[in-house]
Amino acid sequence: MSKIISWGSARTFTVWQYGIGHSQLLLSGRGTGTEPDLGVHFEGVEFMRLIRVFRNLRIATADEHHIREIENSGIPSLRPLLMLALHHDEGVGLVACSRLRIGQTPANGKPTWNLTDIQLHASATG
């Protein structure tokens, strides 16, 4: 049975960085003067279908239609994956990964892989 994931934010997130060495994807959501910057960090990314900017991002477990789309892409099933739908004002993006973390990024204006005050942590293996 797949994990149920549900998280959302009214802010705008952008694709900030993709590291091919560890297959990591980082989305950055700038905070306001009173809210911290947030980072959405996907690890072990095997599949992604994205746009560059996500307004009103909502991350959820992918539905059957989107799971089939990911599975039909030809990705190898070498390990369990989180199948995620990234809903936003312009449509839906998809990510298949082994781990997801959402948390604060440092206040120095530079998004980083190192997140603090984790709001959500999910792993495909437990």
PDB file of N, CA and C in Angstrom:
ATOM      1  N   MET A   1       0.842  -1.184   0.000  1.00  0.00           N
ATOM      2  CA  MET A   1       0.000   0.000   0.000  1.00  0.00           C
ATOM      3  C   MET A   1       0.883   1.241   0.000  1.00  0.00           C
ATOM      4  N   SER A   2       0.528   2.247  -0.791  1.00  0.00           N
ATOM      5  CA  SER A   2       1.339   3.454  -0.887  1.00  0.00           C
ATOM      6  C   SER A   2       1.046   4.400   0.273  1.00  0.00           C
ATOM      7  N   LYS A   3       2.046   5.199   0.596  1.00  0.00           N
ATOM      8  CA  LYS A   3       1.889   6.190   1.655  1.00  0.00           C
ATOM      9  C   LYS A   3       0.970   7.303   1.178  1.00  0.00           C
ATOM     10  N   ILE A   4       0.183   7.827   2.087  1.00  0.00           N
ATOM     11  CA  ILE A   4      -0.692   8.957   1.766  1.00  0.00           C
ATOM     12  C   ILE A   4       0.062  10.232   2.125  1.00  0.00           C
ATOM     13  N   ILE A   5       0.291  11.062   1.137  1.00  0.00           N
ATOM     14  CA  ILE A   5       0.998  12.321   1.331  1.00  0.00           C
ATOM     15  C   ILE A   5       0.064  13.453   0.955  1.00  0.00           C
ATOM     16  N   SER A   6       0.029  14.474   1.785  1.00  0.00           N
ATOM     17  CA  SER A   6      -0.780  15.659   1.489  1.00  0.00           C
ATOM     18  C   SER A   6      -0.143  16.861   2.174  1.00  0.00           C
ATOM     19  N   TRP A   7       0.266  17.833   1.369  1.00  0.00           N
ATOM     20  CA  TRP A   7       0.895  19.051   1.882  1.00  0.00           C
ATOM     21  C   TRP A   7       0.636  20.167   0.878  1.00  0.00           C
ATOM     22  N   GLY A   8       0.478  21.392   1.360  1.00  0.00           N
ATOM     23  CA  GLY A   8       0.263  22.498   0.442  1.00  0.00           C
ATOM     24  C   GLY A   8       0.725  23.828   0.997  1.00  0.00           C
ATOM     25  N   SER A   9       0.921  24.768   0.087  1.00  0.00           N
ATOM     26  CA  SER A   9       1.334  26.112   0.449  1.00  0.00           C
ATOM     27  C   SER A   9       0.795  27.085  -0.601  1.00  0.00           C
ATOM     28  N   ALA A  10       0.367  28.245  -0.151  1.00  0.00           N
ATOM     29  CA  ALA A  10      -0.149  29.274  -1.064  1.00  0.00           C
ATOM     30  C   ALA A  10       0.974  30.053  -1.751  1.00  0.00           C
ATOM     31  N   ARG A  11       2.189  29.839  -1.342  1.00  0.00           N
ATOM     32  CA  ARG A  11       3.287  30.596  -1.959  1.00  0.00           C
ATOM     33  C   ARG A  11       3.697  30.000  -3.311  1.00  0.00           C
ATOM     34  N   THR A  12       4.547  30.698  -4.022  1.00  0.00           N
ATOM     35  CA  THR A  12       5.054  30.254  -5.315  1.00  0.00           C
ATOM     36  C   THR A  12       6.406  29.583  -5.126  1.00  0.00           C
ATOM     37  N   PHE A  13       6.567  28.405  -5.730  1.00  0.00           N
ATOM     38  CA  PHE A  13       7.821  27.656  -5.675  1.00  0.00           C
ATOM     39  C   PHE A  13       8.423  27.615  -7.069  1.00  0.00           C
ATOM     40  N   THR A  14       9.750  27.611  -7.123  1.00  0.00           N
ATOM     41  CA  THR A  14      10.450  27.479  -8.395  1.00  0.00           C
ATOM     42  C   THR A  14      11.417  26.294  -8.319  1.00  0.00           C
ATOM     43  N   VAL A  15      11.686  25.690  -9.470  1.00  0.00           N
ATOM     44  CA  VAL A  15      12.721  24.668  -9.525  1.00  0.00           C
ATOM     45  C   VAL A  15      14.037  25.397  -9.301  1.00  0.00           C
ATOM     46  N   TRP A  16      14.735  25.018  -8.242  1.00  0.00           N
ATOM     47  CA  TRP A  16      15.949  25.742  -7.879  1.00  0.00           C
ATOM     48  C   TRP A  16      17.209  24.995  -8.316  1.00  0.00           C
ATOM     49  N   GLN A  17      17.196  23.656  -8.127  1.00  0.00           N
ATOM     50  CA  GLN A  17      18.416  22.918  -8.446  1.00  0.00           C
ATOM     51  C   GLN A  17      18.083  21.446  -8.653  1.00  0.00           C
ATOM     52  N   TYR A  18      18.827  20.821  -9.568  1.00  0.00           N
ATOM     53  CA  TYR A  18      18.764  19.374  -9.728  1.00  0.00           C
ATOM     54  C   TYR A  18      20.193  18.869  -9.731  1.00  0.00           C
ATOM     55  N   GLY A  19      20.468  17.920  -8.851  1.00  0.00           N
ATOM     56  CA  GLY A  19      21.803  17.333  -8.778  1.00  0.00           C
ATOM     57  C   GLY A  19      21.772  15.918  -9.313  1.00  0.00           C
ATOM     58  N   ILE A  20      22.408  15.707 -10.434  1.00  0.00           N
ATOM     59  CA  ILE A  20      22.340  14.404 -11.085  1.00  0.00           C
ATOM     60  C   ILE A  20      23.091  13.329 -10.308  1.00  0.00           C
ATOM     61  N   GLY A  21      24.131  13.688  -9.568  1.00  0.00           N
ATOM     62  CA  GLY A  21      24.925  12.708  -8.844  1.00  0.00           C
ATOM     63  C   GLY A  21      24.118  11.889  -7.847  1.00  0.00           C
ATOM     64  N   HIS A  22      23.262  12.538  -7.099  1.00  0.00           N
ATOM     65  CA  HIS A  22      22.417  11.850  -6.118  1.00  0.00           C
ATOM     66  C   HIS A  22      20.942  11.908  -6.519  1.00  0.00           C
ATOM     67  N   SER A  23      20.672  12.341  -7.729  1.00  0.00           N
ATOM     68  CA  SER A  23      19.297  12.456  -8.234  1.00  0.00           C
ATOM     69  C   SER A  23      18.418  13.230  -7.259  1.00  0.00           C
ATOM     70  N   GLN A  24      18.862  14.436  -6.920  1.00  0.00           N
ATOM     71  CA  GLN A  24      18.138  15.287  -5.984  1.00  0.00           C
ATOM     72  C   GLN A  24      17.537  16.486  -6.711  1.00  0.00           C
ATOM     73  N   LEU A  25      16.312  16.815  -6.330  1.00  0.00           N
ATOM     74  CA  LEU A  25      15.599  17.956  -6.894  1.00  0.00           C
ATOM     75  C   LEU A  25      15.204  18.870  -5.751  1.00  0.00           C
ATOM     76  N   LEU A  26      15.442  20.179  -5.910  1.00  0.00           N
ATOM     77  CA  LEU A  26      15.096  21.159  -4.884  1.00  0.00           C
ATOM     78  C   LEU A  26      14.187  22.231  -5.480  1.00  0.00           C
ATOM     79  N   LEU A  27      13.009  22.399  -4.867  1.00  0.00           N
ATOM     80  CA  LEU A  27      12.114  23.511  -5.183  1.00  0.00           C
ATOM     81  C   LEU A  27      12.256  24.531  -4.070  1.00  0.00           C
ATOM     82  N   SER A  28      12.227  25.815  -4.417  1.00  0.00           N
ATOM     83  CA  SER A  28      12.371  26.875  -3.430  1.00  0.00           C
ATOM     84  C   SER A  28      11.130  27.758  -3.411  1.00  0.00           C
ATOM     85  N   GLY A  29      10.634  28.010  -2.214  1.00  0.00           N
ATOM     86  CA  GLY A  29       9.498  28.907  -2.021  1.00  0.00           C
ATOM     87  C   GLY A  29       9.908  30.044  -1.113  1.00  0.00           C
ATOM     88  N   ARG A  30      10.022  31.226  -1.677  1.00  0.00           N
ATOM     89  CA  ARG A  30      10.453  32.393  -0.907  1.00  0.00           C
ATOM     90  C   ARG A  30       9.402  32.774   0.119  1.00  0.00           C
ATOM     91  N   GLY A  31       9.877  33.122   1.310  1.00  0.00           N
ATOM     92  CA  GLY A  31       8.984  33.587   2.367  1.00  0.00           C
ATOM     93  C   GLY A  31       8.751  35.083   2.275  1.00  0.00           C
ATOM     94  N   THR A  32       7.903  35.551   3.147  1.00  0.00           N
ATOM     95  CA  THR A  32       7.686  36.991   3.264  1.00  0.00           C
ATOM     96  C   THR A  32       8.566  37.489   4.397  1.00  0.00           C
ATOM     97  N   GLY A  33       8.409  38.707   4.789  1.00  0.00           N
ATOM     98  CA  GLY A  33       9.207  39.237   5.892  1.00  0.00           C
ATOM     99  C   GLY A  33       9.016  38.475   7.189  1.00  0.00           C
ATOM    100  N   THR A  34       7.840  37.907   7.396  1.00  0.00           N
ATOM    101  CA  THR A  34       7.566  37.188   8.643  1.00  0.00           C
ATOM    102  C   THR A  34       7.597  35.675   8.484  1.00  0.00           C
ATOM    103  N   GLU A  35       7.575  35.172   7.265  1.00  0.00           N
ATOM    104  CA  GLU A  35       7.602  33.730   7.027  1.00  0.00           C
ATOM    105  C   GLU A  35       8.952  33.334   6.445  1.00  0.00           C
ATOM    106  N   PRO A  36       9.491  32.190   6.882  1.00  0.00           N
ATOM    107  CA  PRO A  36      10.789  31.751   6.357  1.00  0.00           C
ATOM    108  C   PRO A  36      10.667  31.191   4.941  1.00  0.00           C
ATOM    109  N   ASP A  37      11.798  31.139   4.247  1.00  0.00           N
ATOM    110  CA  ASP A  37      11.847  30.449   2.958  1.00  0.00           C
ATOM    111  C   ASP A  37      11.642  28.960   3.201  1.00  0.00           C
ATOM    112  N   LEU A  38      10.989  28.287   2.259  1.00  0.00           N
ATOM    113  CA  LEU A  38      10.778  26.848   2.358  1.00  0.00           C
ATOM    114  C   LEU A  38      11.470  26.142   1.208  1.00  0.00           C
ATOM    115  N   GLY A  39      11.919  24.936   1.479  1.00  0.00           N
ATOM    116  CA  GLY A  39      12.509  24.090   0.448  1.00  0.00           C
ATOM    117  C   GLY A  39      11.759  22.778   0.380  1.00  0.00           C
ATOM    118  N   VAL A  40      11.561  22.284  -0.837  1.00  0.00           N
ATOM    119  CA  VAL A  40      10.974  20.959  -1.061  1.00  0.00           C
ATOM    120  C   VAL A  40      12.077  20.141  -1.707  1.00  0.00           C
ATOM    121  N   HIS A  41      12.556  19.129  -0.979  1.00  0.00           N
ATOM    122  CA  HIS A  41      13.720  18.363  -1.386  1.00  0.00           C
ATOM    123  C   HIS A  41      13.303  16.931  -1.701  1.00  0.00           C
ATOM    124  N   PHE A  42      13.461  16.542  -2.951  1.00  0.00           N
ATOM    125  CA  PHE A  42      13.175  15.185  -3.406  1.00  0.00           C
ATOM    126  C   PHE A  42      14.511  14.470  -3.570  1.00  0.00           C
ATOM    127  N   GLU A  43      14.637  13.263  -3.028  1.00  0.00           N
ATOM    128  CA  GLU A  43      15.864  12.481  -3.163  1.00  0.00           C
ATOM    129  C   GLU A  43      15.582  11.190  -3.919  1.00  0.00           C
ATOM    130  N   GLY A  44      16.588  10.694  -4.616  1.00  0.00           N
ATOM    131  CA  GLY A  44      16.430   9.457  -5.371  1.00  0.00           C
ATOM    132  C   GLY A  44      15.382   9.595  -6.461  1.00  0.00           C
ATOM    133  N   VAL A  45      15.426  10.706  -7.178  1.00  0.00           N
ATOM    134  CA  VAL A  45      14.435  10.986  -8.217  1.00  0.00           C
ATOM    135  C   VAL A  45      14.667  10.067  -9.416  1.00  0.00           C
ATOM    136  N   GLU A  46      13.633   9.336  -9.779  1.00  0.00           N
ATOM    137  CA  GLU A  46      13.693   8.441 -10.940  1.00  0.00           C
ATOM    138  C   GLU A  46      12.865   8.973 -12.113  1.00  0.00           C
ATOM    139  N   PHE A  47      11.911   9.838 -11.824  1.00  0.00           N
ATOM    140  CA  PHE A  47      11.037  10.387 -12.873  1.00  0.00           C
ATOM    141  C   PHE A  47      10.576  11.763 -12.425  1.00  0.00           C
ATOM    142  N   MET A  48      10.523  12.701 -13.383  1.00  0.00           N
ATOM    143  CA  MET A  48       9.927  14.009 -13.095  1.00  0.00           C
ATOM    144  C   MET A  48       9.360  14.597 -14.368  1.00  0.00           C
ATOM    145  N   ARG A  49       8.209  15.209 -14.219  1.00  0.00           N
ATOM    146  CA  ARG A  49       7.575  15.982 -15.284  1.00  0.00           C
ATOM    147  C   ARG A  49       7.162  17.283 -14.617  1.00  0.00           C
ATOM    148  N   LEU A  50       7.898  18.345 -14.933  1.00  0.00           N
ATOM    149  CA  LEU A  50       7.767  19.591 -14.189  1.00  0.00           C
ATOM    150  C   LEU A  50       7.671  20.802 -15.106  1.00  0.00           C
ATOM    151  N   ILE A  51       7.143  21.866 -14.533  1.00  0.00           N
ATOM    152  CA  ILE A  51       7.317  23.189 -15.120  1.00  0.00           C
ATOM    153  C   ILE A  51       8.275  23.929 -14.184  1.00  0.00           C
ATOM    154  N   ARG A  52       8.678  25.118 -14.541  1.00  0.00           N
ATOM    155  CA  ARG A  52       9.667  25.838 -13.732  1.00  0.00           C
ATOM    156  C   ARG A  52       9.071  26.505 -12.504  1.00  0.00           C
ATOM    157  N   VAL A  53       7.817  26.982 -12.589  1.00  0.00           N
ATOM    158  CA  VAL A  53       7.196  27.737 -11.494  1.00  0.00           C
ATOM    159  C   VAL A  53       5.886  27.076 -11.086  1.00  0.00           C
ATOM    160  N   PHE A  54       5.700  26.930  -9.768  1.00  0.00           N
ATOM    161  CA  PHE A  54       4.491  26.308  -9.200  1.00  0.00           C
ATOM    162  C   PHE A  54       3.802  27.313  -8.288  1.00  0.00           C
ATOM    163  N   ARG A  55       2.666  27.822  -8.735  1.00  0.00           N
ATOM    164  CA  ARG A  55       1.887  28.742  -7.893  1.00  0.00           C
ATOM    165  C   ARG A  55       0.861  27.932  -7.105  1.00  0.00           C
ATOM    166  N   ASN A  56       0.772  28.193  -5.793  1.00  0.00           N
ATOM    167  CA  ASN A  56      -0.152  27.464  -4.911  1.00  0.00           C
ATOM    168  C   ASN A  56       0.107  25.963  -4.986  1.00  0.00           C
ATOM    169  N   LEU A  57       1.321  25.574  -4.630  1.00  0.00           N
ATOM    170  CA  LEU A  57       1.760  24.185  -4.718  1.00  0.00           C
ATOM    171  C   LEU A  57       1.047  23.299  -3.699  1.00  0.00           C
ATOM    172  N   ARG A  58       0.553  22.165  -4.180  1.00  0.00           N
ATOM    173  CA  ARG A  58      -0.049  21.133  -3.334  1.00  0.00           C
ATOM    174  C   ARG A  58       0.558  19.800  -3.753  1.00  0.00           C
ATOM    175  N   ILE A  59       1.215  19.134  -2.821  1.00  0.00           N
ATOM    176  CA  ILE A  59       1.851  17.851  -3.104  1.00  0.00           C
ATOM    177  C   ILE A  59       0.990  16.756  -2.495  1.00  0.00           C
ATOM    178  N   ALA A  60       0.678  15.740  -3.288  1.00  0.00           N
ATOM    179  CA  ALA A  60      -0.162  14.644  -2.814  1.00  0.00           C
ATOM    180  C   ALA A  60       0.295  13.341  -3.454  1.00  0.00           C
ATOM    181  N   THR A  61      -0.110  12.245  -2.848  1.00  0.00           N
ATOM    182  CA  THR A  61       0.108  10.944  -3.454  1.00  0.00           C
ATOM    183  C   THR A  61      -0.577  10.934  -4.820  1.00  0.00           C
ATOM    184  N   ALA A  62       0.116  10.445  -5.821  1.00  0.00           N
ATOM    185  CA  ALA A  62      -0.444  10.424  -7.179  1.00  0.00           C
ATOM    186  C   ALA A  62      -1.659   9.503  -7.246  1.00  0.00           C
ATOM    187  N   ASP A  63      -2.626   9.887  -8.081  1.00  0.00           N
ATOM    188  CA  ASP A  63      -3.792   9.026  -8.291  1.00  0.00           C
ATOM    189  C   ASP A  63      -3.438   7.942  -9.319  1.00  0.00           C
ATOM    190  N   GLU A  64      -4.369   7.024  -9.551  1.00  0.00           N
ATOM    191  CA  GLU A  64      -4.112   5.880 -10.445  1.00  0.00           C
ATOM    192  C   GLU A  64      -3.684   6.320 -11.851  1.00  0.00           C
ATOM    193  N   HIS A  65      -4.334   7.339 -12.392  1.00  0.00           N
ATOM    194  CA  HIS A  65      -3.997   7.834 -13.731  1.00  0.00           C
ATOM    195  C   HIS A  65      -2.544   8.291 -13.785  1.00  0.00           C
ATOM    196  N   HIS A  66      -2.111   9.078 -12.793  1.00  0.00           N
ATOM    197  CA  HIS A  66      -0.747   9.594 -12.789  1.00  0.00           C
ATOM    198  C   HIS A  66       0.271   8.498 -12.473  1.00  0.00           C
ATOM    199  N   ILE A  67      -0.098   7.534 -11.631  1.00  0.00           N
ATOM    200  CA  ILE A  67       0.800   6.406 -11.359  1.00  0.00           C
ATOM    201  C   ILE A  67       1.051   5.616 -12.638  1.00  0.00           C
ATOM    202  N   ARG A  68       0.001   5.384 -13.425  1.00  0.00           N
ATOM    203  CA  ARG A  68       0.176   4.681 -14.704  1.00  0.00           C
ATOM    204  C   ARG A  68       1.092   5.466 -15.639  1.00  0.00           C
ATOM    205  N   GLU A  69       0.933   6.785 -15.664  1.00  0.00           N
ATOM    206  CA  GLU A  69       1.799   7.605 -16.516  1.00  0.00           C
ATOM    207  C   GLU A  69       3.262   7.459 -16.112  1.00  0.00           C
ATOM    208  N   ILE A  70       3.528   7.461 -14.810  1.00  0.00           N
ATOM    209  CA  ILE A  70       4.904   7.287 -14.337  1.00  0.00           C
ATOM    210  C   ILE A  70       5.405   5.892 -14.683  1.00  0.00           C
ATOM    211  N   GLU A  71       4.606   4.879 -14.396  1.00  0.00           N
ATOM    212  CA  GLU A  71       5.019   3.498 -14.670  1.00  0.00           C
ATOM    213  C   GLU A  71       5.227   3.246 -16.150  1.00  0.00           C
ATOM    214  N   ASN A  72       4.426   3.859 -17.006  1.00  0.00           N
ATOM    215  CA  ASN A  72       4.544   3.679 -18.458  1.00  0.00           C
ATOM    216  C   ASN A  72       5.720   4.451 -19.063  1.00  0.00           C
ATOM    217  N   SER A  73       6.394   5.265 -18.252  1.00  0.00           N
ATOM    218  CA  SER A  73       7.532   6.034 -18.758  1.00  0.00           C
ATOM    219  C   SER A  73       8.763   5.158 -18.966  1.00  0.00           C
ATOM    220  N   GLY A  74       8.738   3.950 -18.411  1.00  0.00           N
ATOM    221  CA  GLY A  74       9.861   3.040 -18.584  1.00  0.00           C
ATOM    222  C   GLY A  74      10.900   3.120 -17.487  1.00  0.00           C
ATOM    223  N   ILE A  75      10.606   3.787 -16.365  1.00  0.00           N
ATOM    224  CA  ILE A  75      11.592   3.833 -15.284  1.00  0.00           C
ATOM    225  C   ILE A  75      11.776   2.431 -14.701  1.00  0.00           C
ATOM    226  N   PRO A  76      12.988   2.079 -14.346  1.00  0.00           N
ATOM    227  CA  PRO A  76      13.214   0.750 -13.764  1.00  0.00           C
ATOM    228  C   PRO A  76      12.648   0.689 -12.348  1.00  0.00           C
ATOM    229  N   SER A  77      12.123  -0.447 -11.959  1.00  0.00           N
ATOM    230  CA  SER A  77      11.576  -0.633 -10.621  1.00  0.00           C
ATOM    231  C   SER A  77      12.625  -1.286  -9.737  1.00  0.00           C
ATOM    232  N   LEU A  78      13.709  -0.562  -9.482  1.00  0.00           N
ATOM    233  CA  LEU A  78      14.814  -1.107  -8.707  1.00  0.00           C
ATOM    234  C   LEU A  78      14.584  -0.981  -7.202  1.00  0.00           C
ATOM    235  N   ARG A  79      13.692  -0.088  -6.798  1.00  0.00           N
ATOM    236  CA  ARG A  79      13.419   0.124  -5.376  1.00  0.00           C
ATOM    237  C   ARG A  79      12.040   0.741  -5.233  1.00  0.00           C
ATOM    238  N   PRO A  80      11.481   0.704  -4.020  1.00  0.00           N
ATOM    239  CA  PRO A  80      10.180   1.352  -3.818  1.00  0.00           C
ATOM    240  C   PRO A  80      10.292   2.861  -4.049  1.00  0.00           C
ATOM    241  N   LEU A  81       9.240   3.452  -4.596  1.00  0.00           N
ATOM    242  CA  LEU A  81       9.238   4.889  -4.870  1.00  0.00           C
ATOM    243  C   LEU A  81       7.968   5.536  -4.348  1.00  0.00           C
ATOM    244  N   LEU A  82       8.099   6.801  -3.944  1.00  0.00           N
ATOM    245  CA  LEU A  82       6.935   7.638  -3.687  1.00  0.00           C
ATOM    246  C   LEU A  82       6.476   8.173  -5.043  1.00  0.00           C
ATOM    247  N   MET A  83       5.214   7.993  -5.371  1.00  0.00           N
ATOM    248  CA  MET A  83       4.661   8.520  -6.614  1.00  0.00           C
ATOM    249  C   MET A  83       3.859   9.758  -6.228  1.00  0.00           C
ATOM    250  N   LEU A  84       4.350  10.941  -6.629  1.00  0.00           N
ATOM    251  CA  LEU A  84       3.783  12.198  -6.149  1.00  0.00           C
ATOM    252  C   LEU A  84       3.239  13.053  -7.283  1.00  0.00           C
ATOM    253  N   ALA A  85       2.110  13.698  -7.004  1.00  0.00           N
ATOM    254  CA  ALA A  85       1.525  14.683  -7.920  1.00  0.00           C
ATOM    255  C   ALA A  85       1.748  16.059  -7.317  1.00  0.00           C
ATOM    256  N   LEU A  86       2.262  16.981  -8.123  1.00  0.00           N
ATOM    257  CA  LEU A  86       2.502  18.354  -7.697  1.00  0.00           C
ATOM    258  C   LEU A  86       1.448  19.235  -8.357  1.00  0.00           C
ATOM    259  N   HIS A  87       0.344  19.433  -7.668  1.00  0.00           N
ATOM    260  CA  HIS A  87      -0.749  20.243  -8.192  1.00  0.00           C
ATOM    261  C   HIS A  87      -0.398  21.719  -8.027  1.00  0.00           C
ATOM    262  N   HIS A  88      -0.762  22.507  -9.025  1.00  0.00           N
ATOM    263  CA  HIS A  88      -0.502  23.942  -8.984  1.00  0.00           C
ATOM    264  C   HIS A  88      -1.522  24.625  -9.878  1.00  0.00           C
ATOM    265  N   ASP A  89      -1.511  25.948  -9.878  1.00  0.00           N
ATOM    266  CA  ASP A  89      -2.529  26.710 -10.616  1.00  0.00           C
ATOM    267  C   ASP A  89      -2.562  26.402 -12.107  1.00  0.00           C
ATOM    268  N   GLU A  90      -1.442  25.975 -12.688  1.00  0.00           N
ATOM    269  CA  GLU A  90      -1.379  25.726 -14.124  1.00  0.00           C
ATOM    270  C   GLU A  90      -1.560  24.257 -14.502  1.00  0.00           C
ATOM    271  N   GLY A  91      -1.670  23.353 -13.533  1.00  0.00           N
ATOM    272  CA  GLY A  91      -1.833  21.943 -13.867  1.00  0.00           C
ATOM    273  C   GLY A  91      -1.251  21.019 -12.813  1.00  0.00           C
ATOM    274  N   VAL A  92      -0.608  19.944 -13.286  1.00  0.00           N
ATOM    275  CA  VAL A  92      -0.058  18.926 -12.392  1.00  0.00           C
ATOM    276  C   VAL A  92       1.320  18.508 -12.891  1.00  0.00           C
ATOM    277  N   GLY A  93       2.288  18.500 -11.984  1.00  0.00           N
ATOM    278  CA  GLY A  93       3.597  17.930 -12.255  1.00  0.00           C
ATOM    279  C   GLY A  93       3.680  16.576 -11.564  1.00  0.00           C
ATOM    280  N   LEU A  94       4.657  15.773 -11.927  1.00  0.00           N
ATOM    281  CA  LEU A  94       4.803  14.448 -11.338  1.00  0.00           C
ATOM    282  C   LEU A  94       6.262  14.201 -10.947  1.00  0.00           C
ATOM    283  N   VAL A  95       6.447  13.527  -9.816  1.00  0.00           N
ATOM    284  CA  VAL A  95       7.783  13.121  -9.371  1.00  0.00           C
ATOM    285  C   VAL A  95       7.678  11.729  -8.766  1.00  0.00           C
ATOM    286  N   ALA A  96       8.609  10.850  -9.130  1.00  0.00           N
ATOM    287  CA  ALA A  96       8.765   9.555  -8.474  1.00  0.00           C
ATOM    288  C   ALA A  96      10.134   9.576  -7.808  1.00  0.00           C
ATOM    289  N   CYS A  97      10.162   9.398  -6.484  1.00  0.00           N
ATOM    290  CA  CYS A  97      11.411   9.522  -5.739  1.00  0.00           C
ATOM    291  C   CYS A  97      11.395   8.579  -4.535  1.00  0.00           C
ATOM    292  N   SER A  98      12.557   8.442  -3.911  1.00  0.00           N
ATOM    293  CA  SER A  98      12.623   7.570  -2.743  1.00  0.00           C
ATOM    294  C   SER A  98      12.369   8.311  -1.437  1.00  0.00           C
ATOM    295  N   ARG A  99      12.570   9.642  -1.414  1.00  0.00           N
ATOM    296  CA  ARG A  99      12.371  10.394  -0.183  1.00  0.00           C
ATOM    297  C   ARG A  99      11.971  11.830  -0.484  1.00  0.00           C
ATOM    298  N   LEU A 100      11.132  12.390   0.377  1.00  0.00           N
ATOM    299  CA  LEU A 100      10.672  13.778   0.277  1.00  0.00           C
ATOM    300  C   LEU A 100      10.830  14.431   1.629  1.00  0.00           C
ATOM    301  N   ARG A 101      11.422  15.637   1.625  1.00  0.00           N
ATOM    302  CA  ARG A 101      11.505  16.449   2.850  1.00  0.00           C
ATOM    303  C   ARG A 101      11.096  17.867   2.501  1.00  0.00           C
ATOM    304  N   ILE A 102      10.320  18.471   3.390  1.00  0.00           N
ATOM    305  CA  ILE A 102       9.901  19.864   3.226  1.00  0.00           C
ATOM    306  C   ILE A 102      10.235  20.576   4.526  1.00  0.00           C
ATOM    307  N   GLY A 103      10.977  21.680   4.405  1.00  0.00           N
ATOM    308  CA  GLY A 103      11.357  22.421   5.609  1.00  0.00           C
ATOM    309  C   GLY A 103      11.886  23.794   5.266  1.00  0.00           C
ATOM    310  N   GLN A 104      12.373  24.481   6.295  1.00  0.00           N
ATOM    311  CA  GLN A 104      12.890  25.832   6.125  1.00  0.00           C
ATOM    312  C   GLN A 104      14.286  25.802   5.527  1.00  0.00           C
ATOM    313  N   THR A 105      14.590  26.819   4.731  1.00  0.00           N
ATOM    314  CA  THR A 105      15.948  27.010   4.237  1.00  0.00           C
ATOM    315  C   THR A 105      16.537  28.203   4.977  1.00  0.00           C
ATOM    316  N   PRO A 106      17.854  28.324   5.017  1.00  0.00           N
ATOM    317  CA  PRO A 106      18.475  29.425   5.749  1.00  0.00           C
ATOM    318  C   PRO A 106      17.986  30.786   5.263  1.00  0.00           C
ATOM    319  N   ALA A 107      18.022  31.746   6.156  1.00  0.00           N
ATOM    320  CA  ALA A 107      17.520  33.090   5.847  1.00  0.00           C
ATOM    321  C   ALA A 107      18.517  33.934   5.065  1.00  0.00           C
ATOM    322  N   ASN A 108      19.576  33.316   4.539  1.00  0.00           N
ATOM    323  CA  ASN A 108      20.591  34.088   3.821  1.00  0.00           C
ATOM    324  C   ASN A 108      20.259  34.290   2.346  1.00  0.00           C
ATOM    325  N   GLY A 109      19.072  33.859   1.933  1.00  0.00           N
ATOM    326  CA  GLY A 109      18.654  34.063   0.550  1.00  0.00           C
ATOM    327  C   GLY A 109      19.149  33.003  -0.413  1.00  0.00           C
ATOM    328  N   LYS A 110      19.842  31.980   0.076  1.00  0.00           N
ATOM    329  CA  LYS A 110      20.350  30.912  -0.781  1.00  0.00           C
ATOM    330  C   LYS A 110      19.682  29.600  -0.410  1.00  0.00           C
ATOM    331  N   PRO A 111      18.767  29.105  -1.223  1.00  0.00           N
ATOM    332  CA  PRO A 111      18.191  27.788  -0.942  1.00  0.00           C
ATOM    333  C   PRO A 111      19.295  26.732  -0.916  1.00  0.00           C
ATOM    334  N   THR A 112      19.119  25.741  -0.077  1.00  0.00           N
ATOM    335  CA  THR A 112      20.134  24.716   0.104  1.00  0.00           C
ATOM    336  C   THR A 112      19.474  23.366   0.311  1.00  0.00           C
ATOM    337  N   TRP A 113      20.258  22.308   0.131  1.00  0.00           N
ATOM    338  CA  TRP A 113      19.755  20.959   0.373  1.00  0.00           C
ATOM    339  C   TRP A 113      19.508  20.735   1.864  1.00  0.00           C
ATOM    340  N   ASN A 114      20.192  21.484   2.731  1.00  0.00           N
ATOM    341  CA  ASN A 114      20.084  21.305   4.172  1.00  0.00           C
ATOM    342  C   ASN A 114      18.895  22.072   4.728  1.00  0.00           C
ATOM    343  N   LEU A 115      17.839  21.346   5.034  1.00  0.00           N
ATOM    344  CA  LEU A 115      16.617  21.964   5.532  1.00  0.00           C
ATOM    345  C   LEU A 115      16.538  21.834   7.049  1.00  0.00           C
ATOM    346  N   THR A 116      15.863  22.788   7.679  1.00  0.00           N
ATOM    347  CA  THR A 116      15.637  22.740   9.124  1.00  0.00           C
ATOM    348  C   THR A 116      14.138  22.823   9.380  1.00  0.00           C
ATOM    349  N   ASP A 117      13.737  22.624  10.624  1.00  0.00           N
ATOM    350  CA  ASP A 117      12.320  22.702  11.008  1.00  0.00           C
ATOM    351  C   ASP A 117      11.453  21.958   9.997  1.00  0.00           C
ATOM    352  N   ILE A 118      11.741  20.690   9.837  1.00  0.00           N
ATOM    353  CA  ILE A 118      11.073  19.855   8.839  1.00  0.00           C
ATOM    354  C   ILE A 118       9.564  19.804   9.090  1.00  0.00           C
ATOM    355  N   GLN A 119       8.783  20.153   8.054  1.00  0.00           N
ATOM    356  CA  GLN A 119       7.322  20.099   8.124  1.00  0.00           C
ATOM    357  C   GLN A 119       6.784  18.750   7.672  1.00  0.00           C
ATOM    358  N   LEU A 120       7.498  18.120   6.739  1.00  0.00           N
ATOM    359  CA  LEU A 120       7.056  16.825   6.228  1.00  0.00           C
ATOM    360  C   LEU A 120       8.281  16.016   5.831  1.00  0.00           C
ATOM    361  N   HIS A 121       8.278  14.755   6.211  1.00  0.00           N
ATOM    362  CA  HIS A 121       9.346  13.832   5.827  1.00  0.00           C
ATOM    363  C   HIS A 121       8.689  12.513   5.477  1.00  0.00           C
ATOM    364  N   ALA A 122       8.903  12.044   4.264  1.00  0.00           N
ATOM    365  CA  ALA A 122       8.316  10.766   3.832  1.00  0.00           C
ATOM    366  C   ALA A 122       9.371   9.984   3.070  1.00  0.00           C
ATOM    367  N   SER A 123       9.373   8.690   3.301  1.00  0.00           N
ATOM    368  CA  SER A 123      10.297   7.794   2.629  1.00  0.00           C
ATOM    369  C   SER A 123       9.515   6.625   2.055  1.00  0.00           C
ATOM    370  N   ALA A 124       9.925   6.166   0.903  1.00  0.00           N
ATOM    371  CA  ALA A 124       9.227   5.049   0.272  1.00  0.00           C
ATOM    372  C   ALA A 124       9.441   3.748   1.028  1.00  0.00           C
ATOM    373  N   THR A 125      10.467   3.679   1.854  1.00  0.00           N
ATOM    374  CA  THR A 125      10.783   2.430   2.546  1.00  0.00           C
ATOM    375  C   THR A 125      10.422   2.427   4.028  1.00  0.00           C
ATOM    376  N   GLY A 126       9.865   3.493   4.541  1.00  0.00           N
ATOM    377  CA  GLY A 126       9.503   3.433   5.949  1.00  0.00           C
ATOM    378  C   GLY A 126       9.603   4.657   6.705  1.00  0.00           C
TER     379      GLY A 126
END
